[in-house]
PDB file of all heavy atoms in Angstrom:
ATOM      1  N   LEU A   1      54.698  58.570 121.880  1.00  0.00           N
ATOM      2  CA  LEU A   1      55.014  57.097 121.866  1.00  0.00           C
ATOM      3  C   LEU A   1      54.370  56.449 120.541  1.00  0.00           C
ATOM      4  O   LEU A   1      55.032  55.573 119.920  1.00  0.00           O
ATOM      5  CB  LEU A   1      54.412  56.387 123.079  1.00  0.00           C
ATOM      6  CG  LEU A   1      54.991  56.853 124.469  1.00  0.00           C
ATOM      7  CD1 LEU A   1      54.285  56.197 125.651  1.00  0.00           C
ATOM      8  CD2 LEU A   1      56.433  56.709 124.515  1.00  0.00           C
ATOM      9  N   ASP A   2      53.113  56.755 120.212  1.00  0.00           N
ATOM     10  CA  ASP A   2      52.660  56.243 119.003  1.00  0.00           C
ATOM     11  C   ASP A   2      53.354  56.710 117.867  1.00  0.00           C
ATOM     12  O   ASP A   2      53.478  55.945 116.858  1.00  0.00           O
ATOM     13  CB  ASP A   2      51.181  56.784 118.815  1.00  0.00           C
ATOM     14  CG  ASP A   2      50.162  56.085 119.870  1.00  0.00           C
ATOM     15  OD1 ASP A   2      50.602  55.057 120.470  1.00  0.00           O
ATOM     16  OD2 ASP A   2      49.127  56.608 120.141  1.00  0.00           O
ATOM     17  N   GLU A   3      53.909  57.825 117.813  1.00  0.00           N
ATOM     18  CA  GLU A   3      54.658  58.390 116.762  1.00  0.00           C
ATOM     19  C   GLU A   3      55.920  57.567 116.474  1.00  0.00           C
ATOM     20  O   GLU A   3      56.346  57.250 115.339  1.00  0.00           O
ATOM     21  CB  GLU A   3      55.014  59.817 116.896  1.00  0.00           C
ATOM     22  CG  GLU A   3      55.438  60.544 115.714  1.00  0.00           C
ATOM     23  CD  GLU A   3      55.467  62.102 115.769  1.00  0.00           C
ATOM     24  OE1 GLU A   3      54.697  62.687 116.485  1.00  0.00           O
ATOM     25  OE2 GLU A   3      56.454  62.530 115.353  1.00  0.00           O
ATOM     26  N   VAL A   4      56.530  57.193 117.584  1.00  0.00           N
ATOM     27  CA  VAL A   4      57.829  56.379 117.505  1.00  0.00           C
ATOM     28  C   VAL A   4      57.490  54.979 116.993  1.00  0.00           C
ATOM     29  O   VAL A   4      58.166  54.444 116.027  1.00  0.00           O
ATOM     30  CB  VAL A   4      58.432  56.167 118.960  1.00  0.00           C
ATOM     31  CG1 VAL A   4      59.597  55.227 118.962  1.00  0.00           C
ATOM     32  CG2 VAL A   4      59.097  57.483 119.394  1.00  0.00           C
ATOM     33  N   VAL A   5      56.478  54.414 117.513  1.00  0.00           N
ATOM     34  CA  VAL A   5      55.995  53.083 116.947  1.00  0.00           C
ATOM     35  C   VAL A   5      55.665  53.124 115.531  1.00  0.00           C
ATOM     36  O   VAL A   5      56.093  52.330 114.671  1.00  0.00           O
ATOM     37  CB  VAL A   5      54.800  52.534 117.720  1.00  0.00           C
ATOM     38  CG1 VAL A   5      54.189  51.305 117.069  1.00  0.00           C
ATOM     39  CG2 VAL A   5      55.241  52.219 119.276  1.00  0.00           C
ATOM     40  N   GLY A   6      54.932  54.167 115.062  1.00  0.00           N
ATOM     41  CA  GLY A   6      54.659  54.308 113.642  1.00  0.00           C
ATOM     42  C   GLY A   6      55.876  54.485 112.827  1.00  0.00           C
ATOM     43  O   GLY A   6      55.936  53.955 111.651  1.00  0.00           O
ATOM     44  N   ALA A   7      56.867  55.189 113.376  1.00  0.00           N
ATOM     45  CA  ALA A   7      58.153  55.451 112.544  1.00  0.00           C
ATOM     46  C   ALA A   7      58.820  54.186 112.454  1.00  0.00           C
ATOM     47  O   ALA A   7      59.395  53.822 111.337  1.00  0.00           O
ATOM     48  CB  ALA A   7      58.969  56.556 113.218  1.00  0.00           C
ATOM     49  N   PHE A   8      58.933  53.280 113.547  1.00  0.00           N
ATOM     50  CA  PHE A   8      59.620  51.995 113.481  1.00  0.00           C
ATOM     51  C   PHE A   8      58.938  51.105 112.470  1.00  0.00           C
ATOM     52  O   PHE A   8      59.482  50.454 111.570  1.00  0.00           O
ATOM     53  CB  PHE A   8      59.636  51.301 114.832  1.00  0.00           C
ATOM     54  CG  PHE A   8      60.796  51.639 115.709  1.00  0.00           C
ATOM     55  CD1 PHE A   8      60.612  52.419 116.801  1.00  0.00           C
ATOM     56  CD2 PHE A   8      62.051  51.258 115.263  1.00  0.00           C
ATOM     57  CE1 PHE A   8      61.833  52.739 117.582  1.00  0.00           C
ATOM     58  CE2 PHE A   8      63.216  51.557 116.044  1.00  0.00           C
ATOM     59  CZ  PHE A   8      63.041  52.275 117.152  1.00  0.00           C
ATOM     60  N   ALA A   9      57.573  51.146 112.461  1.00  0.00           N
ATOM     61  CA  ALA A   9      56.743  50.314 111.600  1.00  0.00           C
ATOM     62  C   ALA A   9      56.958  50.625 110.183  1.00  0.00           C
ATOM     63  O   ALA A   9      56.980  49.865 109.240  1.00  0.00           O
ATOM     64  CB  ALA A   9      55.240  50.308 111.912  1.00  0.00           C
ATOM     65  N   ALA A  10      57.212  52.078 109.823  1.00  0.00           N
ATOM     66  CA  ALA A  10      57.463  52.401 108.539  1.00  0.00           C
ATOM     67  C   ALA A  10      58.967  52.310 108.227  1.00  0.00           C
ATOM     68  O   ALA A  10      59.266  52.622 107.063  1.00  0.00           O
ATOM     69  CB  ALA A  10      57.026  53.936 108.478  1.00  0.00           C
ATOM     70  N   ARG A  11      59.707  51.934 109.179  1.00  0.00           N
ATOM     71  CA  ARG A  11      61.146  51.780 108.939  1.00  0.00           C
ATOM     72  C   ARG A  11      61.782  53.045 108.447  1.00  0.00           C
ATOM     73  O   ARG A  11      62.532  53.106 107.511  1.00  0.00           O
ATOM     74  CB  ARG A  11      61.431  50.686 107.841  1.00  0.00           C
ATOM     75  CG  ARG A  11      60.892  49.276 108.242  1.00  0.00           C
ATOM     76  CD  ARG A  11      61.243  48.266 107.151  1.00  0.00           C
ATOM     77  NE  ARG A  11      60.749  46.949 107.552  1.00  0.00           N
ATOM     78  CZ  ARG A  11      61.396  45.936 108.087  1.00  0.00           C
ATOM     79  NH1 ARG A  11      62.677  46.117 108.387  1.00  0.00           N
ATOM     80  NH2 ARG A  11      60.812  44.801 108.435  1.00  0.00           N
ATOM     81  N   ASP A  12      61.301  54.055 109.245  1.00  0.00           N
ATOM     82  CA  ASP A  12      61.769  55.435 108.852  1.00  0.00           C
ATOM     83  C   ASP A  12      62.709  55.872 109.986  1.00  0.00           C
ATOM     84  O   ASP A  12      62.115  56.474 111.048  1.00  0.00           O
ATOM     85  CB  ASP A  12      60.546  56.430 108.774  1.00  0.00           C
ATOM     86  CG  ASP A  12      60.891  57.799 108.314  1.00  0.00           C
ATOM     87  OD1 ASP A  12      62.123  58.193 108.505  1.00  0.00           O
ATOM     88  OD2 ASP A  12      59.978  58.447 107.928  1.00  0.00           O
ATOM     89  N   GLY A  13      63.871  55.582 109.839  1.00  0.00           N
ATOM     90  CA  GLY A  13      64.962  55.902 110.958  1.00  0.00           C
ATOM     91  C   GLY A  13      64.908  57.404 111.275  1.00  0.00           C
ATOM     92  O   GLY A  13      65.213  57.864 112.387  1.00  0.00           O
ATOM     93  N   GLY A  14      64.935  58.256 110.208  1.00  0.00           N
ATOM     94  CA  GLY A  14      65.004  59.795 110.490  1.00  0.00           C
ATOM     95  C   GLY A  14      63.834  60.146 111.324  1.00  0.00           C
ATOM     96  O   GLY A  14      64.095  60.947 112.185  1.00  0.00           O
ATOM     97  N   ARG A  15      62.661  59.655 111.075  1.00  0.00           N
ATOM     98  CA  ARG A  15      61.505  60.059 111.809  1.00  0.00           C
ATOM     99  C   ARG A  15      61.644  59.595 113.310  1.00  0.00           C
ATOM    100  O   ARG A  15      61.248  60.152 114.183  1.00  0.00           O
ATOM    101  CB  ARG A  15      60.193  59.552 111.158  1.00  0.00           C
ATOM    102  CG  ARG A  15      58.988  60.287 111.675  1.00  0.00           C
ATOM    103  CD  ARG A  15      57.774  59.971 110.887  1.00  0.00           C
ATOM    104  NE  ARG A  15      56.925  59.038 111.551  1.00  0.00           N
ATOM    105  CZ  ARG A  15      56.108  58.095 111.000  1.00  0.00           C
ATOM    106  NH1 ARG A  15      56.140  58.041 109.742  1.00  0.00           N
ATOM    107  NH2 ARG A  15      55.243  57.417 111.809  1.00  0.00           N
ATOM    108  N   VAL A  16      62.227  58.243 113.401  1.00  0.00           N
ATOM    109  CA  VAL A  16      62.399  57.682 114.865  1.00  0.00           C
ATOM    110  C   VAL A  16      63.365  58.633 115.531  1.00  0.00           C
ATOM    111  O   VAL A  16      62.999  59.084 116.713  1.00  0.00           O
ATOM    112  CB  VAL A  16      63.035  56.325 114.744  1.00  0.00           C
ATOM    113  CG1 VAL A  16      63.566  55.834 116.109  1.00  0.00           C
ATOM    114  CG2 VAL A  16      62.082  55.267 114.174  1.00  0.00           C
ATOM    115  N   PHE A  17      64.430  59.121 114.971  1.00  0.00           N
ATOM    116  CA  PHE A  17      65.389  59.993 115.743  1.00  0.00           C
ATOM    117  C   PHE A  17      64.780  61.327 115.904  1.00  0.00           C
ATOM    118  O   PHE A  17      64.974  61.952 117.067  1.00  0.00           O
ATOM    119  CB  PHE A  17      66.754  60.109 114.942  1.00  0.00           C
ATOM    120  CG  PHE A  17      67.566  58.846 115.191  1.00  0.00           C
ATOM    121  CD1 PHE A  17      67.764  57.966 114.053  1.00  0.00           C
ATOM    122  CD2 PHE A  17      68.110  58.571 116.317  1.00  0.00           C
ATOM    123  CE1 PHE A  17      68.540  56.814 114.251  1.00  0.00           C
ATOM    124  CE2 PHE A  17      69.048  57.505 116.450  1.00  0.00           C
ATOM    125  CZ  PHE A  17      69.139  56.544 115.395  1.00  0.00           C
ATOM    126  N   HIS A  18      64.088  61.910 115.064  1.00  0.00           N
ATOM    127  CA  HIS A  18      63.338  63.180 115.238  1.00  0.00           C
ATOM    128  C   HIS A  18      62.373  63.124 116.396  1.00  0.00           C
ATOM    129  O   HIS A  18      62.345  63.950 117.309  1.00  0.00           O
ATOM    130  CB  HIS A  18      62.613  63.519 113.972  1.00  0.00           C
ATOM    131  CG  HIS A  18      61.871  64.753 114.077  1.00  0.00           C
ATOM    132  ND1 HIS A  18      62.362  66.085 114.257  1.00  0.00           N
ATOM    133  CD2 HIS A  18      60.463  64.935 114.172  1.00  0.00           C
ATOM    134  CE1 HIS A  18      61.478  66.923 114.321  1.00  0.00           C
ATOM    135  NE2 HIS A  18      60.301  66.270 114.342  1.00  0.00           N
ATOM    136  N   THR A  19      61.627  61.971 116.497  1.00  0.00           N
ATOM    137  CA  THR A  19      60.636  61.966 117.532  1.00  0.00           C
ATOM    138  C   THR A  19      61.359  61.679 118.893  1.00  0.00           C
ATOM    139  O   THR A  19      60.960  62.260 119.973  1.00  0.00           O
ATOM    140  CB  THR A  19      59.654  60.757 117.306  1.00  0.00           C
ATOM    141  OG1 THR A  19      59.133  60.877 116.021  1.00  0.00           O
ATOM    142  CG2 THR A  19      58.581  60.692 118.268  1.00  0.00           C
ATOM    143  N   VAL A  20      62.321  60.854 118.945  1.00  0.00           N
ATOM    144  CA  VAL A  20      62.995  60.672 120.270  1.00  0.00           C
ATOM    145  C   VAL A  20      63.745  62.066 120.669  1.00  0.00           C
ATOM    146  O   VAL A  20      63.744  62.264 121.839  1.00  0.00           O
ATOM    147  CB  VAL A  20      64.162  59.568 119.983  1.00  0.00           C
ATOM    148  CG1 VAL A  20      65.132  59.552 121.131  1.00  0.00           C
ATOM    149  CG2 VAL A  20      63.553  58.221 119.868  1.00  0.00           C
ATOM    150  N   ASN A  21      64.267  62.744 119.648  1.00  0.00           N
ATOM    151  CA  ASN A  21      64.670  64.131 120.004  1.00  0.00           C
ATOM    152  C   ASN A  21      63.460  64.965 120.692  1.00  0.00           C
ATOM    153  O   ASN A  21      63.825  65.710 121.722  1.00  0.00           O
ATOM    154  CB  ASN A  21      65.296  64.724 118.763  1.00  0.00           C
ATOM    155  CG  ASN A  21      66.041  66.025 119.126  1.00  0.00           C
ATOM    156  OD1 ASN A  21      66.875  65.940 120.021  1.00  0.00           O
ATOM    157  ND2 ASN A  21      65.773  67.143 118.435  1.00  0.00           N
ATOM    158  N   ARG A  22      62.325  64.852 120.139  1.00  0.00           N
ATOM    159  CA  ARG A  22      61.259  65.607 120.768  1.00  0.00           C
ATOM    160  C   ARG A  22      61.021  65.108 122.267  1.00  0.00           C
ATOM    161  O   ARG A  22      60.624  65.942 122.955  1.00  0.00           O
ATOM    162  CB  ARG A  22      59.950  65.451 119.967  1.00  0.00           C
ATOM    163  CG  ARG A  22      60.107  66.268 118.642  1.00  0.00           C
ATOM    164  CD  ARG A  22      58.924  66.184 117.770  1.00  0.00           C
ATOM    165  NE  ARG A  22      57.620  66.369 118.443  1.00  0.00           N
ATOM    166  CZ  ARG A  22      56.513  65.753 117.987  1.00  0.00           C
ATOM    167  NH1 ARG A  22      56.583  64.916 116.970  1.00  0.00           N
ATOM    168  NH2 ARG A  22      55.375  65.935 118.664  1.00  0.00           N
ATOM    169  N   VAL A  23      61.169  63.848 122.429  1.00  0.00           N
ATOM    170  CA  VAL A  23      60.960  63.280 123.735  1.00  0.00           C
ATOM    171  C   VAL A  23      62.032  63.882 124.796  1.00  0.00           C
ATOM    172  O   VAL A  23      61.612  64.361 125.862  1.00  0.00           O
ATOM    173  CB  VAL A  23      61.067  61.771 123.751  1.00  0.00           C
ATOM    174  CG1 VAL A  23      61.257  61.185 125.170  1.00  0.00           C
ATOM    175  CG2 VAL A  23      59.914  61.123 123.031  1.00  0.00           C
ATOM    176  N   ILE A  24      63.284  63.949 124.272  1.00  0.00           N
ATOM    177  CA  ILE A  24      64.380  64.541 125.037  1.00  0.00           C
ATOM    178  C   ILE A  24      64.087  66.041 125.286  1.00  0.00           C
ATOM    179  O   ILE A  24      64.122  66.508 126.378  1.00  0.00           O
ATOM    180  CB  ILE A  24      65.628  64.287 124.424  1.00  0.00           C
ATOM    181  CG1 ILE A  24      65.931  62.820 124.273  1.00  0.00           C
ATOM    182  CG2 ILE A  24      66.768  65.067 125.101  1.00  0.00           C
ATOM    183  CD1 ILE A  24      67.218  62.415 123.469  1.00  0.00           C
TER     184      ILE A  24
END
C-alpha cells in the first residue's frame, strides 16, 4: 500500500501499475 502511494506521489504510472499487479 505504501508503495502504491509513493508511486502516485512520484507520478510514476508504470510503478503504480506494477505494484497493483503485485497486489493482484
